[in-house]
Amino acid sequence: MTIFVECKNFRDTVRKNVEAYRRGKQRITSSSDILGGEPVFRGTRIPLAHVAALFRKEVPEGEIAEDFSALDDKDLQYAAFGFSSRPPPGRPRNRTGI
């Protein structure tokens, strides 16, 4: 029995995600003069954590783009991609049921 696994689509997706991550990382800056050093998008006072929190709350991307017109599609993609795998801030849930 022979099994063939086509990886081209997977490779393309990974490549696009890595490019978006690298570009997004370059767009983030932190300075003690701006919002006390909180990471923001370069040239703005828009906190990365705030935009990521909107994605966590499942606010539509179009609404976020309308509210933050200084951010382009790739900035929004970075905020959604970069923080989609991280747990929301706050105390962890009690998993033991106590």
N, C-alpha and C. Protein backbone atom coordinates (compact mmCIF):
# COMPACT_ATOMS: atom_id res chain seq x y z
N MET A 1 0.84 -1.16 0.00
CA MET A 1 0.00 0.00 0.00
C MET A 1 0.89 1.24 0.00
N THR A 2 0.59 2.17 -0.87
CA THR A 2 1.36 3.40 -0.98
C THR A 2 0.47 4.59 -0.63
N ILE A 3 0.98 5.47 0.19
CA ILE A 3 0.23 6.67 0.58
C ILE A 3 1.02 7.89 0.13
N PHE A 4 0.34 8.77 -0.57
CA PHE A 4 0.95 10.04 -0.99
C PHE A 4 0.32 11.17 -0.18
N VAL A 5 1.17 12.04 0.32
CA VAL A 5 0.69 13.18 1.08
C VAL A 5 1.09 14.44 0.33
N GLU A 6 0.10 15.20 -0.07
CA GLU A 6 0.35 16.46 -0.79
C GLU A 6 0.53 17.57 0.24
N CYS A 7 1.70 18.16 0.26
CA CYS A 7 2.03 19.18 1.27
C CYS A 7 2.09 20.59 0.71
N LYS A 8 1.85 20.77 -0.57
CA LYS A 8 2.00 22.10 -1.18
C LYS A 8 1.08 23.13 -0.53
N ASN A 9 -0.18 22.79 -0.32
CA ASN A 9 -1.11 23.74 0.30
C ASN A 9 -0.68 24.08 1.72
N PHE A 10 -0.26 23.06 2.45
CA PHE A 10 0.22 23.29 3.81
C PHE A 10 1.45 24.18 3.82
N ARG A 11 2.40 23.90 2.93
CA ARG A 11 3.62 24.72 2.82
C ARG A 11 3.29 26.16 2.51
N ASP A 12 2.37 26.38 1.57
CA ASP A 12 1.98 27.75 1.19
C ASP A 12 1.34 28.47 2.37
N THR A 13 0.49 27.78 3.11
CA THR A 13 -0.15 28.39 4.27
C THR A 13 0.87 28.76 5.33
N VAL A 14 1.79 27.86 5.61
CA VAL A 14 2.83 28.13 6.60
C VAL A 14 3.70 29.30 6.15
N ARG A 15 4.08 29.32 4.88
CA ARG A 15 4.91 30.41 4.36
C ARG A 15 4.20 31.76 4.53
N LYS A 16 2.92 31.82 4.18
CA LYS A 16 2.16 33.07 4.32
C LYS A 16 2.06 33.50 5.77
N ASN A 17 1.83 32.54 6.67
CA ASN A 17 1.73 32.87 8.08
C ASN A 17 3.05 33.37 8.65
N VAL A 18 4.15 32.75 8.23
CA VAL A 18 5.47 33.19 8.70
C VAL A 18 5.78 34.60 8.18
N GLU A 19 5.46 34.86 6.92
CA GLU A 19 5.68 36.20 6.37
C GLU A 19 4.85 37.24 7.12
N ALA A 20 3.59 36.92 7.40
CA ALA A 20 2.71 37.84 8.13
C ALA A 20 3.25 38.08 9.53
N TYR A 21 3.75 37.04 10.17
CA TYR A 21 4.29 37.18 11.51
C TYR A 21 5.53 38.06 11.52
N ARG A 22 6.44 37.81 10.59
CA ARG A 22 7.68 38.61 10.52
C ARG A 22 7.39 40.07 10.23
N ARG A 23 6.48 40.33 9.28
CA ARG A 23 6.14 41.71 8.95
C ARG A 23 5.46 42.39 10.14
N GLY A 24 4.56 41.67 10.78
CA GLY A 24 3.86 42.22 11.92
C GLY A 24 4.78 42.53 13.08
N LYS A 25 5.73 41.64 13.30
CA LYS A 25 6.68 41.85 14.39
C LYS A 25 7.51 43.12 14.17
N GLN A 26 7.82 43.42 12.92
CA GLN A 26 8.57 44.64 12.61
C GLN A 26 7.72 45.89 12.82
N ARG A 27 6.39 45.75 12.74
CA ARG A 27 5.50 46.89 12.89
C ARG A 27 5.22 47.23 14.36
N ILE A 28 5.65 46.38 15.28
CA ILE A 28 5.38 46.60 16.70
C ILE A 28 6.59 47.28 17.33
N THR A 29 6.29 48.28 18.15
CA THR A 29 7.35 49.00 18.85
C THR A 29 6.93 49.23 20.29
N SER A 30 7.89 49.48 21.12
CA SER A 30 7.62 49.74 22.53
C SER A 30 8.57 50.83 23.01
N SER A 31 8.00 51.85 23.62
CA SER A 31 8.80 52.95 24.14
C SER A 31 8.16 53.42 25.44
N SER A 32 8.98 53.73 26.41
CA SER A 32 8.43 54.18 27.70
C SER A 32 7.68 55.50 27.55
N ASP A 33 7.91 56.22 26.45
CA ASP A 33 7.21 57.49 26.21
C ASP A 33 5.80 57.30 25.68
N ILE A 34 5.49 56.11 25.16
CA ILE A 34 4.18 55.85 24.56
C ILE A 34 3.47 54.79 25.38
N LEU A 35 2.39 55.17 26.02
CA LEU A 35 1.56 54.26 26.81
C LEU A 35 2.36 53.45 27.82
N GLY A 36 3.36 54.07 28.40
CA GLY A 36 4.15 53.42 29.44
C GLY A 36 4.93 52.21 28.99
N GLY A 37 5.24 52.12 27.71
CA GLY A 37 6.03 51.02 27.19
C GLY A 37 5.23 49.85 26.66
N GLU A 38 3.89 49.99 26.64
CA GLU A 38 3.06 48.92 26.10
C GLU A 38 3.32 48.78 24.59
N PRO A 39 3.42 47.57 24.07
CA PRO A 39 3.65 47.39 22.63
C PRO A 39 2.51 47.98 21.79
N VAL A 40 2.88 48.83 20.83
CA VAL A 40 1.91 49.48 19.96
C VAL A 40 2.36 49.30 18.51
N PHE A 41 1.44 49.55 17.58
CA PHE A 41 1.79 49.53 16.17
C PHE A 41 2.59 50.78 15.85
N ARG A 42 3.70 50.63 15.16
CA ARG A 42 4.62 51.72 14.84
C ARG A 42 3.87 52.88 14.19
N GLY A 43 4.13 54.08 14.68
CA GLY A 43 3.52 55.29 14.15
C GLY A 43 2.12 55.57 14.68
N THR A 44 1.66 54.74 15.63
CA THR A 44 0.34 54.94 16.22
C THR A 44 0.45 54.83 17.73
N ARG A 45 -0.68 55.05 18.38
CA ARG A 45 -0.79 54.81 19.81
C ARG A 45 -1.81 53.70 20.06
N ILE A 46 -1.91 52.79 19.11
CA ILE A 46 -2.87 51.71 19.18
C ILE A 46 -2.18 50.49 19.79
N PRO A 47 -2.60 50.07 20.99
CA PRO A 47 -1.96 48.93 21.64
C PRO A 47 -2.27 47.61 20.94
N LEU A 48 -1.26 46.81 20.75
CA LEU A 48 -1.42 45.49 20.15
C LEU A 48 -2.36 44.63 20.99
N ALA A 49 -2.21 44.68 22.30
CA ALA A 49 -3.04 43.86 23.18
C ALA A 49 -4.52 44.21 23.05
N HIS A 50 -4.83 45.48 22.83
CA HIS A 50 -6.23 45.89 22.69
C HIS A 50 -6.84 45.32 21.42
N VAL A 51 -6.12 45.40 20.32
CA VAL A 51 -6.62 44.87 19.06
C VAL A 51 -6.77 43.35 19.15
N ALA A 52 -5.79 42.69 19.76
CA ALA A 52 -5.86 41.24 19.93
C ALA A 52 -7.06 40.86 20.80
N ALA A 53 -7.33 41.65 21.83
CA ALA A 53 -8.48 41.37 22.71
C ALA A 53 -9.79 41.49 21.94
N LEU A 54 -9.86 42.40 20.99
CA LEU A 54 -11.07 42.52 20.18
C LEU A 54 -11.29 41.26 19.35
N PHE A 55 -10.20 40.72 18.81
CA PHE A 55 -10.31 39.46 18.06
C PHE A 55 -10.73 38.32 18.98
N ARG A 56 -10.19 38.29 20.23
CA ARG A 56 -10.58 37.25 21.18
C ARG A 56 -12.07 37.33 21.50
N LYS A 57 -12.61 38.54 21.50
CA LYS A 57 -14.04 38.75 21.79
C LYS A 57 -14.90 38.53 20.56
N GLU A 58 -14.26 38.12 19.47
CA GLU A 58 -14.93 37.81 18.20
C GLU A 58 -15.64 39.02 17.58
N VAL A 59 -15.03 40.20 17.75
CA VAL A 59 -15.51 41.40 17.06
C VAL A 59 -15.15 41.22 15.58
N PRO A 60 -16.08 41.48 14.66
CA PRO A 60 -15.78 41.30 13.24
C PRO A 60 -14.59 42.15 12.79
N GLU A 61 -13.76 41.57 11.93
CA GLU A 61 -12.56 42.25 11.45
C GLU A 61 -12.90 43.57 10.77
N GLY A 62 -14.00 43.62 10.03
CA GLY A 62 -14.42 44.85 9.37
C GLY A 62 -14.69 45.98 10.35
N GLU A 63 -15.27 45.63 11.48
CA GLU A 63 -15.55 46.64 12.51
C GLU A 63 -14.26 47.14 13.15
N ILE A 64 -13.31 46.23 13.38
CA ILE A 64 -12.02 46.63 13.94
C ILE A 64 -11.28 47.53 12.95
N ALA A 65 -11.31 47.17 11.67
CA ALA A 65 -10.64 47.96 10.64
C ALA A 65 -11.27 49.36 10.55
N GLU A 66 -12.58 49.44 10.73
CA GLU A 66 -13.26 50.74 10.68
C GLU A 66 -12.87 51.60 11.88
N ASP A 67 -12.76 50.99 13.04
CA ASP A 67 -12.41 51.73 14.26
C ASP A 67 -10.94 52.16 14.28
N PHE A 68 -10.08 51.36 13.67
CA PHE A 68 -8.64 51.65 13.67
C PHE A 68 -8.16 51.77 12.23
N SER A 69 -8.53 52.84 11.58
CA SER A 69 -8.22 53.01 10.16
C SER A 69 -6.71 53.16 9.90
N ALA A 70 -5.92 53.44 10.92
CA ALA A 70 -4.47 53.56 10.74
C ALA A 70 -3.81 52.19 10.54
N LEU A 71 -4.54 51.12 10.84
CA LEU A 71 -3.99 49.77 10.68
C LEU A 71 -4.43 49.20 9.34
N ASP A 72 -3.50 48.55 8.64
CA ASP A 72 -3.86 47.91 7.38
C ASP A 72 -4.24 46.45 7.62
N ASP A 73 -4.59 45.77 6.56
CA ASP A 73 -5.05 44.37 6.66
C ASP A 73 -3.97 43.47 7.27
N LYS A 74 -2.73 43.73 6.95
CA LYS A 74 -1.65 42.88 7.47
C LYS A 74 -1.43 43.11 8.96
N ASP A 75 -1.65 44.35 9.42
CA ASP A 75 -1.56 44.62 10.86
C ASP A 75 -2.65 43.85 11.61
N LEU A 76 -3.84 43.86 11.06
CA LEU A 76 -4.95 43.14 11.69
C LEU A 76 -4.70 41.64 11.66
N GLN A 77 -4.13 41.16 10.56
CA GLN A 77 -3.83 39.74 10.46
C GLN A 77 -2.81 39.34 11.52
N TYR A 78 -1.81 40.20 11.75
CA TYR A 78 -0.81 39.90 12.77
C TYR A 78 -1.45 39.86 14.16
N ALA A 79 -2.30 40.83 14.45
CA ALA A 79 -2.94 40.86 15.76
C ALA A 79 -3.79 39.61 15.98
N ALA A 80 -4.51 39.19 14.94
CA ALA A 80 -5.34 37.99 15.06
C ALA A 80 -4.49 36.73 15.12
N PHE A 81 -3.49 36.65 14.29
CA PHE A 81 -2.64 35.46 14.19
C PHE A 81 -1.73 35.33 15.40
N GLY A 82 -1.11 36.43 15.78
CA GLY A 82 -0.13 36.39 16.85
C GLY A 82 -0.69 36.08 18.21
N PHE A 83 -1.95 36.36 18.41
CA PHE A 83 -2.53 36.17 19.73
C PHE A 83 -3.66 35.14 19.75
N SER A 84 -3.91 34.49 18.63
CA SER A 84 -4.99 33.50 18.61
C SER A 84 -4.65 32.26 19.43
N SER A 85 -3.38 31.96 19.57
CA SER A 85 -2.99 30.76 20.31
C SER A 85 -2.72 31.03 21.78
N ARG A 86 -2.69 32.27 22.18
CA ARG A 86 -2.42 32.59 23.58
C ARG A 86 -3.72 32.60 24.37
N PRO A 87 -3.66 32.15 25.63
CA PRO A 87 -4.87 32.19 26.45
C PRO A 87 -5.21 33.63 26.83
N PRO A 88 -6.48 33.92 27.09
CA PRO A 88 -6.84 35.27 27.49
C PRO A 88 -6.20 35.62 28.82
N PRO A 89 -5.94 36.91 29.06
CA PRO A 89 -5.31 37.29 30.32
C PRO A 89 -6.25 37.07 31.50
N GLY A 90 -5.69 37.00 32.67
CA GLY A 90 -6.50 36.82 33.88
C GLY A 90 -6.12 35.54 34.59
N ARG A 91 -6.87 35.26 35.63
CA ARG A 91 -6.60 34.07 36.42
C ARG A 91 -7.00 32.82 35.64
N PRO A 92 -6.19 31.78 35.73
CA PRO A 92 -6.56 30.54 35.05
C PRO A 92 -7.78 29.90 35.70
N ARG A 93 -8.54 29.17 34.90
CA ARG A 93 -9.71 28.49 35.43
C ARG A 93 -9.27 27.34 36.33
N ASN A 94 -10.09 27.06 37.32
CA ASN A 94 -9.83 25.95 38.22
C ASN A 94 -10.21 24.66 37.50
N ARG A 95 -9.26 23.84 37.17
CA ARG A 95 -9.52 22.61 36.40
C ARG A 95 -9.83 21.41 37.30
N THR A 96 -9.63 21.56 38.59
CA THR A 96 -9.86 20.42 39.47
C THR A 96 -11.31 20.32 39.91
N GLY A 97 -12.10 21.34 39.69
CA GLY A 97 -13.51 21.31 40.07
C GLY A 97 -13.74 21.68 41.52
N ILE A 98 -12.72 22.15 42.19
CA ILE A 98 -12.85 22.51 43.62
C ILE A 98 -13.37 23.92 43.73
